Amino acid sequence: QIAFPSFPYLQDCPSVASDIVACQLLGVKVMLSLGGAGGAYGFASPAQATAFARTVWDMFGKGTGTTYPRPFGTAVIDGIDLDIKEGSATGYSAFATALRGLAGSSFLLSAAPRCSFPDPYLG
């Protein structure tokens, strides 16, 4: 059965939600990693990246938007990890800036840079 009919590829994950809370009660920070090897992903513009920051915040952080469902219910992640392996650098700075503006300085942001410096995708 599809948990969120308007979003058929999004799962309702109550067991992950309870694991997030259990880990946080033990002092473990829980981060959601975006990206990785394979697939096509990225932003067409900084404006699209800024809008996606709001979506991520509403779905997984303390956001109050109701456009998208929350797969982890009321559980709130502690941060986002960007694992950008391909695509262009467009928008990632805007995404991080917007997310920091929504979440504040205690929300963790990390990235998996490539060996080259500066990273061609993350700067």
PDB file of N, CA and C in Angstrom:
ATOM      1  N   GLN A   1       0.848  -1.184   0.000  1.00  0.00           N
ATOM      2  CA  GLN A   1       0.000   0.000   0.000  1.00  0.00           C
ATOM      3  C   GLN A   1       0.887   1.238   0.000  1.00  0.00           C
ATOM      4  N   ILE A   2       0.503   2.211  -0.776  1.00  0.00           N
ATOM      5  CA  ILE A   2       1.264   3.453  -0.890  1.00  0.00           C
ATOM      6  C   ILE A   2       0.900   4.364   0.286  1.00  0.00           C
ATOM      7  N   ALA A   3       1.922   4.772   1.038  1.00  0.00           N
ATOM      8  CA  ALA A   3       1.694   5.590   2.227  1.00  0.00           C
ATOM      9  C   ALA A   3       1.254   7.009   1.885  1.00  0.00           C
ATOM     10  N   PHE A   4       1.840   7.574   0.827  1.00  0.00           N
ATOM     11  CA  PHE A   4       1.545   8.941   0.441  1.00  0.00           C
ATOM     12  C   PHE A   4       1.096   8.917  -1.022  1.00  0.00           C
ATOM     13  N   PRO A   5      -0.199   8.780  -1.297  1.00  0.00           N
ATOM     14  CA  PRO A   5      -0.682   8.618  -2.676  1.00  0.00           C
ATOM     15  C   PRO A   5      -0.214   9.697  -3.654  1.00  0.00           C
ATOM     16  N   SER A   6      -0.054  10.915  -3.199  1.00  0.00           N
ATOM     17  CA  SER A   6       0.405  11.976  -4.099  1.00  0.00           C
ATOM     18  C   SER A   6       1.899  11.869  -4.403  1.00  0.00           C
ATOM     19  N   PHE A   7       2.603  11.053  -3.626  1.00  0.00           N
ATOM     20  CA  PHE A   7       4.052  10.876  -3.774  1.00  0.00           C
ATOM     21  C   PHE A   7       4.357   9.384  -3.730  1.00  0.00           C
ATOM     22  N   PRO A   8       4.041   8.649  -4.808  1.00  0.00           N
ATOM     23  CA  PRO A   8       4.116   7.188  -4.772  1.00  0.00           C
ATOM     24  C   PRO A   8       5.514   6.615  -4.554  1.00  0.00           C
ATOM     25  N   TYR A   9       6.569   7.392  -4.761  1.00  0.00           N
ATOM     26  CA  TYR A   9       7.922   6.883  -4.564  1.00  0.00           C
ATOM     27  C   TYR A   9       8.488   7.235  -3.188  1.00  0.00           C
ATOM     28  N   LEU A  10       7.693   7.855  -2.363  1.00  0.00           N
ATOM     29  CA  LEU A  10       8.117   8.252  -1.024  1.00  0.00           C
ATOM     30  C   LEU A  10       7.512   7.289  -0.010  1.00  0.00           C
ATOM     31  N   GLN A  11       8.353   6.731   0.822  1.00  0.00           N
ATOM     32  CA  GLN A  11       7.902   5.755   1.806  1.00  0.00           C
ATOM     33  C   GLN A  11       7.643   6.406   3.164  1.00  0.00           C
ATOM     34  N   ASP A  12       6.712   5.825   3.900  1.00  0.00           N
ATOM     35  CA  ASP A  12       6.485   6.179   5.294  1.00  0.00           C
ATOM     36  C   ASP A  12       7.388   5.254   6.104  1.00  0.00           C
ATOM     37  N   CYS A  13       8.259   5.806   6.929  1.00  0.00           N
ATOM     38  CA  CYS A  13       9.298   5.013   7.596  1.00  0.00           C
ATOM     39  C   CYS A  13       9.242   5.162   9.114  1.00  0.00           C
ATOM     40  N   PRO A  14       8.211   4.642   9.780  1.00  0.00           N
ATOM     41  CA  PRO A  14       8.112   4.807  11.229  1.00  0.00           C
ATOM     42  C   PRO A  14       9.241   4.121  11.990  1.00  0.00           C
ATOM     43  N   SER A  15       9.767   3.009  11.482  1.00  0.00           N
ATOM     44  CA  SER A  15      10.868   2.353  12.198  1.00  0.00           C
ATOM     45  C   SER A  15      12.142   3.196  12.126  1.00  0.00           C
ATOM     46  N   VAL A  16      12.371   3.854  10.992  1.00  0.00           N
ATOM     47  CA  VAL A  16      13.519   4.757  10.885  1.00  0.00           C
ATOM     48  C   VAL A  16      13.310   5.943  11.815  1.00  0.00           C
ATOM     49  N   ALA A  17      12.099   6.433  11.886  1.00  0.00           N
ATOM     50  CA  ALA A  17      11.793   7.558  12.778  1.00  0.00           C
ATOM     51  C   ALA A  17      12.120   7.207  14.222  1.00  0.00           C
ATOM     52  N   SER A  18      11.710   6.030  14.674  1.00  0.00           N
ATOM     53  CA  SER A  18      11.994   5.652  16.061  1.00  0.00           C
ATOM     54  C   SER A  18      13.484   5.418  16.264  1.00  0.00           C
ATOM     55  N   ASP A  19      14.194   4.934  15.239  1.00  0.00           N
ATOM     56  CA  ASP A  19      15.644   4.771  15.344  1.00  0.00           C
ATOM     57  C   ASP A  19      16.344   6.127  15.447  1.00  0.00           C
ATOM     58  N   ILE A  20      15.860   7.107  14.693  1.00  0.00           N
ATOM     59  CA  ILE A  20      16.438   8.459  14.763  1.00  0.00           C
ATOM     60  C   ILE A  20      16.333   8.982  16.196  1.00  0.00           C
ATOM     61  N   VAL A  21      15.153   8.886  16.761  1.00  0.00           N
ATOM     62  CA  VAL A  21      14.925   9.381  18.125  1.00  0.00           C
ATOM     63  C   VAL A  21      15.782   8.606  19.123  1.00  0.00           C
ATOM     64  N   ALA A  22      15.859   7.286  18.982  1.00  0.00           N
ATOM     65  CA  ALA A  22      16.658   6.466  19.891  1.00  0.00           C
ATOM     66  C   ALA A  22      18.134   6.855  19.834  1.00  0.00           C
ATOM     67  N   CYS A  23      18.648   7.058  18.648  1.00  0.00           N
ATOM     68  CA  CYS A  23      20.048   7.467  18.504  1.00  0.00           C
ATOM     69  C   CYS A  23      20.283   8.837  19.131  1.00  0.00           C
ATOM     70  N   GLN A  24      19.382   9.767  18.876  1.00  0.00           N
ATOM     71  CA  GLN A  24      19.540  11.113  19.424  1.00  0.00           C
ATOM     72  C   GLN A  24      19.483  11.110  20.940  1.00  0.00           C
ATOM     73  N   LEU A  25      18.672  10.237  21.521  1.00  0.00           N
ATOM     74  CA  LEU A  25      18.622  10.131  22.986  1.00  0.00           C
ATOM     75  C   LEU A  25      19.945   9.635  23.561  1.00  0.00           C
ATOM     76  N   LEU A  26      20.730   8.930  22.745  1.00  0.00           N
ATOM     77  CA  LEU A  26      22.052   8.457  23.155  1.00  0.00           C
ATOM     78  C   LEU A  26      23.155   9.456  22.802  1.00  0.00           C
ATOM     79  N   GLY A  27      22.762  10.609  22.254  1.00  0.00           N
ATOM     80  CA  GLY A  27      23.737  11.638  21.902  1.00  0.00           C
ATOM     81  C   GLY A  27      24.319  11.502  20.510  1.00  0.00           C
ATOM     82  N   VAL A  28      23.778  10.611  19.694  1.00  0.00           N
ATOM     83  CA  VAL A  28      24.266  10.404  18.336  1.00  0.00           C
ATOM     84  C   VAL A  28      23.554  11.371  17.391  1.00  0.00           C
ATOM     85  N   LYS A  29      24.326  12.085  16.606  1.00  0.00           N
ATOM     86  CA  LYS A  29      23.763  12.990  15.605  1.00  0.00           C
ATOM     87  C   LYS A  29      23.352  12.186  14.378  1.00  0.00           C
ATOM     88  N   VAL A  30      22.211  12.495  13.805  1.00  0.00           N
ATOM     89  CA  VAL A  30      21.686  11.777  12.643  1.00  0.00           C
ATOM     90  C   VAL A  30      21.620  12.750  11.461  1.00  0.00           C
ATOM     91  N   MET A  31      22.299  12.352  10.385  1.00  0.00           N
ATOM     92  CA  MET A  31      22.336  13.186   9.191  1.00  0.00           C
ATOM     93  C   MET A  31      21.753  12.421   8.002  1.00  0.00           C
ATOM     94  N   LEU A  32      21.179  13.157   7.081  1.00  0.00           N
ATOM     95  CA  LEU A  32      20.654  12.601   5.846  1.00  0.00           C
ATOM     96  C   LEU A  32      21.640  12.934   4.733  1.00  0.00           C
ATOM     97  N   SER A  33      22.093  11.923   4.013  1.00  0.00           N
ATOM     98  CA  SER A  33      23.039  12.140   2.925  1.00  0.00           C
ATOM     99  C   SER A  33      22.284  12.272   1.609  1.00  0.00           C
ATOM    100  N   LEU A  34      22.599  13.316   0.865  1.00  0.00           N
ATOM    101  CA  LEU A  34      21.990  13.565  -0.439  1.00  0.00           C
ATOM    102  C   LEU A  34      23.051  13.417  -1.519  1.00  0.00           C
ATOM    103  N   GLY A  35      22.718  12.730  -2.581  1.00  0.00           N
ATOM    104  CA  GLY A  35      23.648  12.564  -3.692  1.00  0.00           C
ATOM    105  C   GLY A  35      24.162  11.147  -3.771  1.00  0.00           C
ATOM    106  N   GLY A  36      25.449  10.999  -4.042  1.00  0.00           N
ATOM    107  CA  GLY A  36      26.072   9.695  -4.176  1.00  0.00           C
ATOM    108  C   GLY A  36      26.376   9.385  -5.623  1.00  0.00           C
ATOM    109  N   ALA A  37      26.982   8.233  -5.825  1.00  0.00           N
ATOM    110  CA  ALA A  37      27.382   7.837  -7.173  1.00  0.00           C
ATOM    111  C   ALA A  37      26.166   7.385  -7.980  1.00  0.00           C
ATOM    112  N   GLY A  38      26.187   7.684  -9.253  1.00  0.00           N
ATOM    113  CA  GLY A  38      25.126   7.248 -10.156  1.00  0.00           C
ATOM    114  C   GLY A  38      23.924   8.168 -10.111  1.00  0.00           C
ATOM    115  N   GLY A  39      23.157   8.096 -11.155  1.00  0.00           N
ATOM    116  CA  GLY A  39      21.955   8.919 -11.216  1.00  0.00           C
ATOM    117  C   GLY A  39      22.252  10.324 -11.683  1.00  0.00           C
ATOM    118  N   ALA A  40      21.220  11.002 -12.063  1.00  0.00           N
ATOM    119  CA  ALA A  40      21.342  12.386 -12.503  1.00  0.00           C
ATOM    120  C   ALA A  40      20.669  13.275 -11.467  1.00  0.00           C
ATOM    121  N   TYR A  41      21.415  14.167 -10.899  1.00  0.00           N
ATOM    122  CA  TYR A  41      20.847  15.082  -9.920  1.00  0.00           C
ATOM    123  C   TYR A  41      21.616  16.397  -9.977  1.00  0.00           C
ATOM    124  N   GLY A  42      21.053  17.408  -9.383  1.00  0.00           N
ATOM    125  CA  GLY A  42      21.671  18.722  -9.371  1.00  0.00           C
ATOM    126  C   GLY A  42      20.597  19.787  -9.471  1.00  0.00           C
ATOM    127  N   PHE A  43      21.032  21.009  -9.595  1.00  0.00           N
ATOM    128  CA  PHE A  43      20.125  22.147  -9.645  1.00  0.00           C
ATOM    129  C   PHE A  43      20.294  22.887 -10.963  1.00  0.00           C
ATOM    130  N   ALA A  44      19.186  23.358 -11.496  1.00  0.00           N
ATOM    131  CA  ALA A  44      19.225  24.147 -12.725  1.00  0.00           C
ATOM    132  C   ALA A  44      19.598  25.594 -12.436  1.00  0.00           C
ATOM    133  N   SER A  45      19.354  26.033 -11.184  1.00  0.00           N
ATOM    134  CA  SER A  45      19.621  27.431 -10.835  1.00  0.00           C
ATOM    135  C   SER A  45      19.735  27.561  -9.319  1.00  0.00           C
ATOM    136  N   PRO A  46      20.312  28.640  -8.837  1.00  0.00           N
ATOM    137  CA  PRO A  46      20.330  28.892  -7.399  1.00  0.00           C
ATOM    138  C   PRO A  46      18.913  28.998  -6.807  1.00  0.00           C
ATOM    139  N   ALA A  47      17.978  29.529  -7.572  1.00  0.00           N
ATOM    140  CA  ALA A  47      16.597  29.647  -7.076  1.00  0.00           C
ATOM    141  C   ALA A  47      15.987  28.265  -6.838  1.00  0.00           C
ATOM    142  N   GLN A  48      16.247  27.331  -7.731  1.00  0.00           N
ATOM    143  CA  GLN A  48      15.748  25.968  -7.545  1.00  0.00           C
ATOM    144  C   GLN A  48      16.387  25.331  -6.304  1.00  0.00           C
ATOM    145  N   ALA A  49      17.667  25.576  -6.090  1.00  0.00           N
ATOM    146  CA  ALA A  49      18.368  25.045  -4.925  1.00  0.00           C
ATOM    147  C   ALA A  49      17.799  25.617  -3.627  1.00  0.00           C
ATOM    148  N   THR A  50      17.495  26.899  -3.637  1.00  0.00           N
ATOM    149  CA  THR A  50      16.914  27.544  -2.461  1.00  0.00           C
ATOM    150  C   THR A  50      15.539  26.954  -2.150  1.00  0.00           C
ATOM    151  N   ALA A  51      14.745  26.720  -3.171  1.00  0.00           N
ATOM    152  CA  ALA A  51      13.425  26.111  -2.978  1.00  0.00           C
ATOM    153  C   ALA A  51      13.566  24.685  -2.441  1.00  0.00           C
ATOM    154  N   PHE A  52      14.559  23.946  -2.939  1.00  0.00           N
ATOM    155  CA  PHE A  52      14.767  22.578  -2.466  1.00  0.00           C
ATOM    156  C   PHE A  52      15.220  22.559  -1.010  1.00  0.00           C
ATOM    157  N   ALA A  53      15.976  23.553  -0.594  1.00  0.00           N
ATOM    158  CA  ALA A  53      16.370  23.647   0.822  1.00  0.00           C
ATOM    159  C   ALA A  53      15.125  23.732   1.695  1.00  0.00           C
ATOM    160  N   ARG A  54      14.148  24.505   1.298  1.00  0.00           N
ATOM    161  CA  ARG A  54      12.894  24.617   2.038  1.00  0.00           C
ATOM    162  C   ARG A  54      12.174  23.267   2.064  1.00  0.00           C
ATOM    163  N   THR A  55      12.149  22.570   0.936  1.00  0.00           N
ATOM    164  CA  THR A  55      11.507  21.250   0.873  1.00  0.00           C
ATOM    165  C   THR A  55      12.174  20.275   1.829  1.00  0.00           C
ATOM    166  N   VAL A  56      13.491  20.217   1.803  1.00  0.00           N
ATOM    167  CA  VAL A  56      14.228  19.309   2.694  1.00  0.00           C
ATOM    168  C   VAL A  56      13.967  19.668   4.152  1.00  0.00           C
ATOM    169  N   TRP A  57      13.986  20.946   4.458  1.00  0.00           N
ATOM    170  CA  TRP A  57      13.754  21.404   5.829  1.00  0.00           C
ATOM    171  C   TRP A  57      12.348  21.020   6.293  1.00  0.00           C
ATOM    172  N   ASP A  58      11.367  21.196   5.416  1.00  0.00           N
ATOM    173  CA  ASP A  58       9.991  20.844   5.785  1.00  0.00           C
ATOM    174  C   ASP A  58       9.795  19.333   5.919  1.00  0.00           C
ATOM    175  N   MET A  59      10.482  18.553   5.110  1.00  0.00           N
ATOM    176  CA  MET A  59      10.286  17.100   5.137  1.00  0.00           C
ATOM    177  C   MET A  59      11.080  16.392   6.230  1.00  0.00           C
ATOM    178  N   PHE A  60      12.270  16.914   6.564  1.00  0.00           N
ATOM    179  CA  PHE A  60      13.158  16.187   7.467  1.00  0.00           C
ATOM    180  C   PHE A  60      13.644  16.995   8.664  1.00  0.00           C
ATOM    181  N   GLY A  61      13.479  18.317   8.605  1.00  0.00           N
ATOM    182  CA  GLY A  61      13.919  19.175   9.707  1.00  0.00           C
ATOM    183  C   GLY A  61      12.743  19.638  10.543  1.00  0.00           C
ATOM    184  N   LYS A  62      12.870  20.837  11.069  1.00  0.00           N
ATOM    185  CA  LYS A  62      11.816  21.392  11.925  1.00  0.00           C
ATOM    186  C   LYS A  62      10.875  22.319  11.153  1.00  0.00           C
ATOM    187  N   GLY A  63      10.880  22.206   9.840  1.00  0.00           N
ATOM    188  CA  GLY A  63      10.029  23.052   9.019  1.00  0.00           C
ATOM    189  C   GLY A  63       8.555  22.787   9.282  1.00  0.00           C
ATOM    190  N   THR A  64       7.758  23.766   8.963  1.00  0.00           N
ATOM    191  CA  THR A  64       6.324  23.670   9.237  1.00  0.00           C
ATOM    192  C   THR A  64       5.477  23.602   7.967  1.00  0.00           C
ATOM    193  N   GLY A  65       6.131  23.551   6.808  1.00  0.00           N
ATOM    194  CA  GLY A  65       5.390  23.461   5.560  1.00  0.00           C
ATOM    195  C   GLY A  65       4.645  22.144   5.462  1.00  0.00           C
ATOM    196  N   THR A  66       3.539  22.147   4.754  1.00  0.00           N
ATOM    197  CA  THR A  66       2.715  20.945   4.645  1.00  0.00           C
ATOM    198  C   THR A  66       2.562  20.464   3.197  1.00  0.00           C
ATOM    199  N   THR A  67       3.326  21.026   2.275  1.00  0.00           N
ATOM    200  CA  THR A  67       3.230  20.630   0.874  1.00  0.00           C
ATOM    201  C   THR A  67       3.673  19.183   0.675  1.00  0.00           C
ATOM    202  N   TYR A  68       4.711  18.778   1.394  1.00  0.00           N
ATOM    203  CA  TYR A  68       5.270  17.430   1.259  1.00  0.00           C
ATOM    204  C   TYR A  68       5.108  16.663   2.564  1.00  0.00           C
ATOM    205  N   PRO A  69       4.897  15.340   2.472  1.00  0.00           N
ATOM    206  CA  PRO A  69       4.795  14.531   3.692  1.00  0.00           C
ATOM    207  C   PRO A  69       6.151  14.365   4.367  1.00  0.00           C
ATOM    208  N   ARG A  70       6.114  13.958   5.625  1.00  0.00           N
ATOM    209  CA  ARG A  70       7.330  13.724   6.403  1.00  0.00           C
ATOM    210  C   ARG A  70       7.537  12.216   6.553  1.00  0.00           C
ATOM    211  N   PRO A  71       8.482  11.630   5.811  1.00  0.00           N
ATOM    212  CA  PRO A  71       8.679  10.182   5.862  1.00  0.00           C
ATOM    213  C   PRO A  71       9.068   9.658   7.243  1.00  0.00           C
ATOM    214  N   PHE A  72       9.685  10.515   8.059  1.00  0.00           N
ATOM    215  CA  PHE A  72      10.098  10.108   9.405  1.00  0.00           C
ATOM    216  C   PHE A  72       9.185  10.687  10.478  1.00  0.00           C
ATOM    217  N   GLY A  73       7.970  11.040  10.093  1.00  0.00           N
ATOM    218  CA  GLY A  73       7.007  11.562  11.057  1.00  0.00           C
ATOM    219  C   GLY A  73       7.530  12.804  11.751  1.00  0.00           C
ATOM    220  N   THR A  74       7.460  12.816  13.076  1.00  0.00           N
ATOM    221  CA  THR A  74       7.905  13.988  13.842  1.00  0.00           C
ATOM    222  C   THR A  74       9.397  13.961  14.155  1.00  0.00           C
ATOM    223  N   ALA A  75      10.090  12.873  13.820  1.00  0.00           N
ATOM    224  CA  ALA A  75      11.544  12.814  14.049  1.00  0.00           C
ATOM    225  C   ALA A  75      12.225  13.867  13.187  1.00  0.00           C
ATOM    226  N   VAL A  76      13.247  14.493  13.746  1.00  0.00           N
ATOM    227  CA  VAL A  76      13.954  15.582  13.081  1.00  0.00           C
ATOM    228  C   VAL A  76      15.430  15.218  12.973  1.00  0.00           C
ATOM    229  N   ILE A  77      15.985  15.298  11.768  1.00  0.00           N
ATOM    230  CA  ILE A  77      17.400  15.009  11.588  1.00  0.00           C
ATOM    231  C   ILE A  77      18.251  16.162  12.115  1.00  0.00           C
ATOM    232  N   ASP A  78      19.527  15.875  12.348  1.00  0.00           N
ATOM    233  CA  ASP A  78      20.452  16.877  12.881  1.00  0.00           C
ATOM    234  C   ASP A  78      21.255  17.585  11.805  1.00  0.00           C
ATOM    235  N   GLY A  79      21.213  17.072  10.582  1.00  0.00           N
ATOM    236  CA  GLY A  79      21.991  17.707   9.535  1.00  0.00           C
ATOM    237  C   GLY A  79      21.856  17.029   8.198  1.00  0.00           C
ATOM    238  N   ILE A  80      22.523  17.632   7.210  1.00  0.00           N
ATOM    239  CA  ILE A  80      22.537  17.148   5.831  1.00  0.00           C
ATOM    240  C   ILE A  80      23.988  16.986   5.398  1.00  0.00           C
ATOM    241  N   ASP A  81      24.253  15.879   4.717  1.00  0.00           N
ATOM    242  CA  ASP A  81      25.557  15.625   4.109  1.00  0.00           C
ATOM    243  C   ASP A  81      25.381  15.656   2.600  1.00  0.00           C
ATOM    244  N   LEU A  82      26.206  16.424   1.916  1.00  0.00           N
ATOM    245  CA  LEU A  82      26.160  16.490   0.453  1.00  0.00           C
ATOM    246  C   LEU A  82      27.261  15.604  -0.109  1.00  0.00           C
ATOM    247  N   ASP A  83      26.870  14.547  -0.800  1.00  0.00           N
ATOM    248  CA  ASP A  83      27.811  13.611  -1.412  1.00  0.00           C
ATOM    249  C   ASP A  83      27.690  13.771  -2.921  1.00  0.00           C
ATOM    250  N   ILE A  84      28.243  14.858  -3.430  1.00  0.00           N
ATOM    251  CA  ILE A  84      28.056  15.240  -4.823  1.00  0.00           C
ATOM    252  C   ILE A  84      29.183  14.647  -5.666  1.00  0.00           C
ATOM    253  N   LYS A  85      28.823  13.718  -6.509  1.00  0.00           N
ATOM    254  CA  LYS A  85      29.810  13.011  -7.324  1.00  0.00           C
ATOM    255  C   LYS A  85      29.839  13.473  -8.776  1.00  0.00           C
ATOM    256  N   GLU A  86      28.754  14.043  -9.256  1.00  0.00           N
ATOM    257  CA  GLU A  86      28.688  14.418 -10.659  1.00  0.00           C
ATOM    258  C   GLU A  86      27.733  15.582 -10.846  1.00  0.00           C
ATOM    259  N   GLY A  87      27.704  16.111 -12.056  1.00  0.00           N
ATOM    260  CA  GLY A  87      26.839  17.248 -12.341  1.00  0.00           C
ATOM    261  C   GLY A  87      27.623  18.542 -12.305  1.00  0.00           C
ATOM    262  N   SER A  88      26.916  19.630 -12.131  1.00  0.00           N
ATOM    263  CA  SER A  88      27.587  20.930 -12.100  1.00  0.00           C
ATOM    264  C   SER A  88      27.549  21.496 -10.679  1.00  0.00           C
ATOM    265  N   ALA A  89      28.287  22.549 -10.482  1.00  0.00           N
ATOM    266  CA  ALA A  89      28.343  23.199  -9.176  1.00  0.00           C
ATOM    267  C   ALA A  89      27.143  24.116  -8.929  1.00  0.00           C
ATOM    268  N   THR A  90      26.317  24.308  -9.935  1.00  0.00           N
ATOM    269  CA  THR A  90      25.201  25.253  -9.844  1.00  0.00           C
ATOM    270  C   THR A  90      24.299  24.949  -8.652  1.00  0.00           C
ATOM    271  N   GLY A  91      24.126  25.937  -7.805  1.00  0.00           N
ATOM    272  CA  GLY A  91      23.120  25.884  -6.757  1.00  0.00           C
ATOM    273  C   GLY A  91      23.533  25.342  -5.402  1.00  0.00           C
ATOM    274  N   TYR A  92      24.635  24.620  -5.305  1.00  0.00           N
ATOM    275  CA  TYR A  92      24.955  24.005  -4.014  1.00  0.00           C
ATOM    276  C   TYR A  92      25.262  25.032  -2.933  1.00  0.00           C
ATOM    277  N   SER A  93      25.927  26.103  -3.303  1.00  0.00           N
ATOM    278  CA  SER A  93      26.170  27.169  -2.338  1.00  0.00           C
ATOM    279  C   SER A  93      24.852  27.806  -1.890  1.00  0.00           C
ATOM    280  N   ALA A  94      23.954  28.039  -2.830  1.00  0.00           N
ATOM    281  CA  ALA A  94      22.641  28.607  -2.494  1.00  0.00           C
ATOM    282  C   ALA A  94      21.846  27.648  -1.611  1.00  0.00           C
ATOM    283  N   PHE A  95      21.931  26.337  -1.895  1.00  0.00           N
ATOM    284  CA  PHE A  95      21.243  25.328  -1.080  1.00  0.00           C
ATOM    285  C   PHE A  95      21.746  25.382   0.360  1.00  0.00           C
ATOM    286  N   ALA A  96      23.071  25.358   0.528  1.00  0.00           N
ATOM    287  CA  ALA A  96      23.650  25.376   1.872  1.00  0.00           C
ATOM    288  C   ALA A  96      23.317  26.673   2.604  1.00  0.00           C
ATOM    289  N   THR A  97      23.394  27.790   1.913  1.00  0.00           N
ATOM    290  CA  THR A  97      23.083  29.082   2.533  1.00  0.00           C
ATOM    291  C   THR A  97      21.618  29.143   2.959  1.00  0.00           C
ATOM    292  N   ALA A  98      20.723  28.689   2.096  1.00  0.00           N
ATOM    293  CA  ALA A  98      19.295  28.708   2.426  1.00  0.00           C
ATOM    294  C   ALA A  98      18.993  27.772   3.585  1.00  0.00           C
ATOM    295  N   LEU A  99      19.582  26.588   3.572  1.00  0.00           N
ATOM    296  CA  LEU A  99      19.341  25.630   4.654  1.00  0.00           C
ATOM    297  C   LEU A  99      19.873  26.163   5.977  1.00  0.00           C
ATOM    298  N   ARG A 100      21.027  26.777   5.946  1.00  0.00           N
ATOM    299  CA  ARG A 100      21.591  27.374   7.161  1.00  0.00           C
ATOM    300  C   ARG A 100      20.677  28.486   7.669  1.00  0.00           C
ATOM    301  N   GLY A 101      20.120  29.268   6.774  1.00  0.00           N
ATOM    302  CA  GLY A 101      19.199  30.329   7.163  1.00  0.00           C
ATOM    303  C   GLY A 101      17.931  29.787   7.807  1.00  0.00           C
ATOM    304  N   LEU A 102      17.436  28.663   7.304  1.00  0.00           N
ATOM    305  CA  LEU A 102      16.232  28.053   7.871  1.00  0.00           C
ATOM    306  C   LEU A 102      16.512  27.352   9.190  1.00  0.00           C
ATOM    307  N   ALA A 103      17.634  26.659   9.255  1.00  0.00           N
ATOM    308  CA  ALA A 103      17.905  25.756  10.368  1.00  0.00           C
ATOM    309  C   ALA A 103      18.722  26.372  11.492  1.00  0.00           C
ATOM    310  N   GLY A 104      19.527  27.359  11.181  1.00  0.00           N
ATOM    311  CA  GLY A 104      20.393  27.930  12.199  1.00  0.00           C
ATOM    312  C   GLY A 104      21.737  27.224  12.271  1.00  0.00           C
ATOM    313  N   SER A 105      22.613  27.754  13.087  1.00  0.00           N
ATOM    314  CA  SER A 105      23.995  27.276  13.114  1.00  0.00           C
ATOM    315  C   SER A 105      24.178  25.922  13.789  1.00  0.00           C
ATOM    316  N   SER A 106      23.206  25.449  14.546  1.00  0.00           N
ATOM    317  CA  SER A 106      23.375  24.144  15.190  1.00  0.00           C
ATOM    318  C   SER A 106      23.060  22.982  14.241  1.00  0.00           C
ATOM    319  N   PHE A 107      22.426  23.260  13.107  1.00  0.00           N
ATOM    320  CA  PHE A 107      22.130  22.233  12.115  1.00  0.00           C
ATOM    321  C   PHE A 107      23.419  21.916  11.374  1.00  0.00           C
ATOM    322  N   LEU A 108      23.772  20.637  11.289  1.00  0.00           N
ATOM    323  CA  LEU A 108      25.038  20.228  10.695  1.00  0.00           C
ATOM    324  C   LEU A 108      24.953  20.189   9.172  1.00  0.00           C
ATOM    325  N   LEU A 109      25.978  20.699   8.531  1.00  0.00           N
ATOM    326  CA  LEU A 109      26.127  20.602   7.078  1.00  0.00           C
ATOM    327  C   LEU A 109      27.512  20.034   6.809  1.00  0.00           C
ATOM    328  N   SER A 110      27.564  18.971   6.024  1.00  0.00           N
ATOM    329  CA  SER A 110      28.862  18.397   5.673  1.00  0.00           C
ATOM    330  C   SER A 110      28.850  18.052   4.191  1.00  0.00           C
ATOM    331  N   ALA A 111      30.042  17.814   3.663  1.00  0.00           N
ATOM    332  CA  ALA A 111      30.173  17.454   2.259  1.00  0.00           C
ATOM    333  C   ALA A 111      31.337  16.490   2.106  1.00  0.00           C
ATOM    334  N   ALA A 112      31.224  15.623   1.124  1.00  0.00           N
ATOM    335  CA  ALA A 112      32.289  14.677   0.810  1.00  0.00           C
ATOM    336  C   ALA A 112      33.057  15.241  -0.382  1.00  0.00           C
ATOM    337  N   PRO A 113      34.147  15.965  -0.136  1.00  0.00           N
ATOM    338  CA  PRO A 113      34.872  16.578  -1.245  1.00  0.00           C
ATOM    339  C   PRO A 113      35.656  15.539  -2.049  1.00  0.00           C
ATOM    340  N   ARG A 114      35.961  15.897  -3.250  1.00  0.00           N
ATOM    341  CA  ARG A 114      36.817  15.073  -4.102  1.00  0.00           C
ATOM    342  C   ARG A 114      38.259  15.400  -3.763  1.00  0.00           C
ATOM    343  N   CYS A 115      39.172  14.641  -4.307  1.00  0.00           N
ATOM    344  CA  CYS A 115      40.593  14.865  -4.019  1.00  0.00           C
ATOM    345  C   CYS A 115      41.084  16.211  -4.532  1.00  0.00           C
ATOM    346  N   SER A 116      40.518  16.673  -5.630  1.00  0.00           N
ATOM    347  CA  SER A 116      40.956  17.962  -6.147  1.00  0.00           C
ATOM    348  C   SER A 116      40.428  19.075  -5.249  1.00  0.00           C
ATOM    349  N   PHE A 117      41.197  20.133  -5.123  1.00  0.00           N
ATOM    350  CA  PHE A 117      40.793  21.261  -4.308  1.00  0.00           C
ATOM    351  C   PHE A 117      40.967  22.521  -5.127  1.00  0.00           C
ATOM    352  N   PRO A 118      40.015  23.385  -5.193  1.00  0.00           N
ATOM    353  CA  PRO A 118      38.703  23.223  -4.585  1.00  0.00           C
ATOM    354  C   PRO A 118      37.867  22.175  -5.335  1.00  0.00           C
ATOM    355  N   ASP A 119      36.921  21.592  -4.632  1.00  0.00           N
ATOM    356  CA  ASP A 119      36.049  20.589  -5.216  1.00  0.00           C
ATOM    357  C   ASP A 119      35.303  21.208  -6.391  1.00  0.00           C
ATOM    358  N   PRO A 120      35.268  20.556  -7.555  1.00  0.00           N
ATOM    359  CA  PRO A 120      34.617  21.160  -8.723  1.00  0.00           C
ATOM    360  C   PRO A 120      33.112  21.349  -8.582  1.00  0.00           C
ATOM    361  N   TYR A 121      32.485  20.632  -7.664  1.00  0.00           N
ATOM    362  CA  TYR A 121      31.042  20.749  -7.495  1.00  0.00           C
ATOM    363  C   TYR A 121      30.651  21.559  -6.279  1.00  0.00           C
ATOM    364  N   LEU A 122      31.435  21.458  -5.231  1.00  0.00           N
ATOM    365  CA  LEU A 122      31.079  22.111  -3.980  1.00  0.00           C
ATOM    366  C   LEU A 122      31.867  23.387  -3.720  1.00  0.00           C
ATOM    367  N   GLY A 123      32.914  23.646  -4.478  1.00  0.00           N
ATOM    368  CA  GLY A 123      33.703  24.873  -4.288  1.00  0.00           C
ATOM    369  C   GLY A 123      34.812  24.701  -3.284  1.00  0.00           C
TER     370      GLY A 123
END
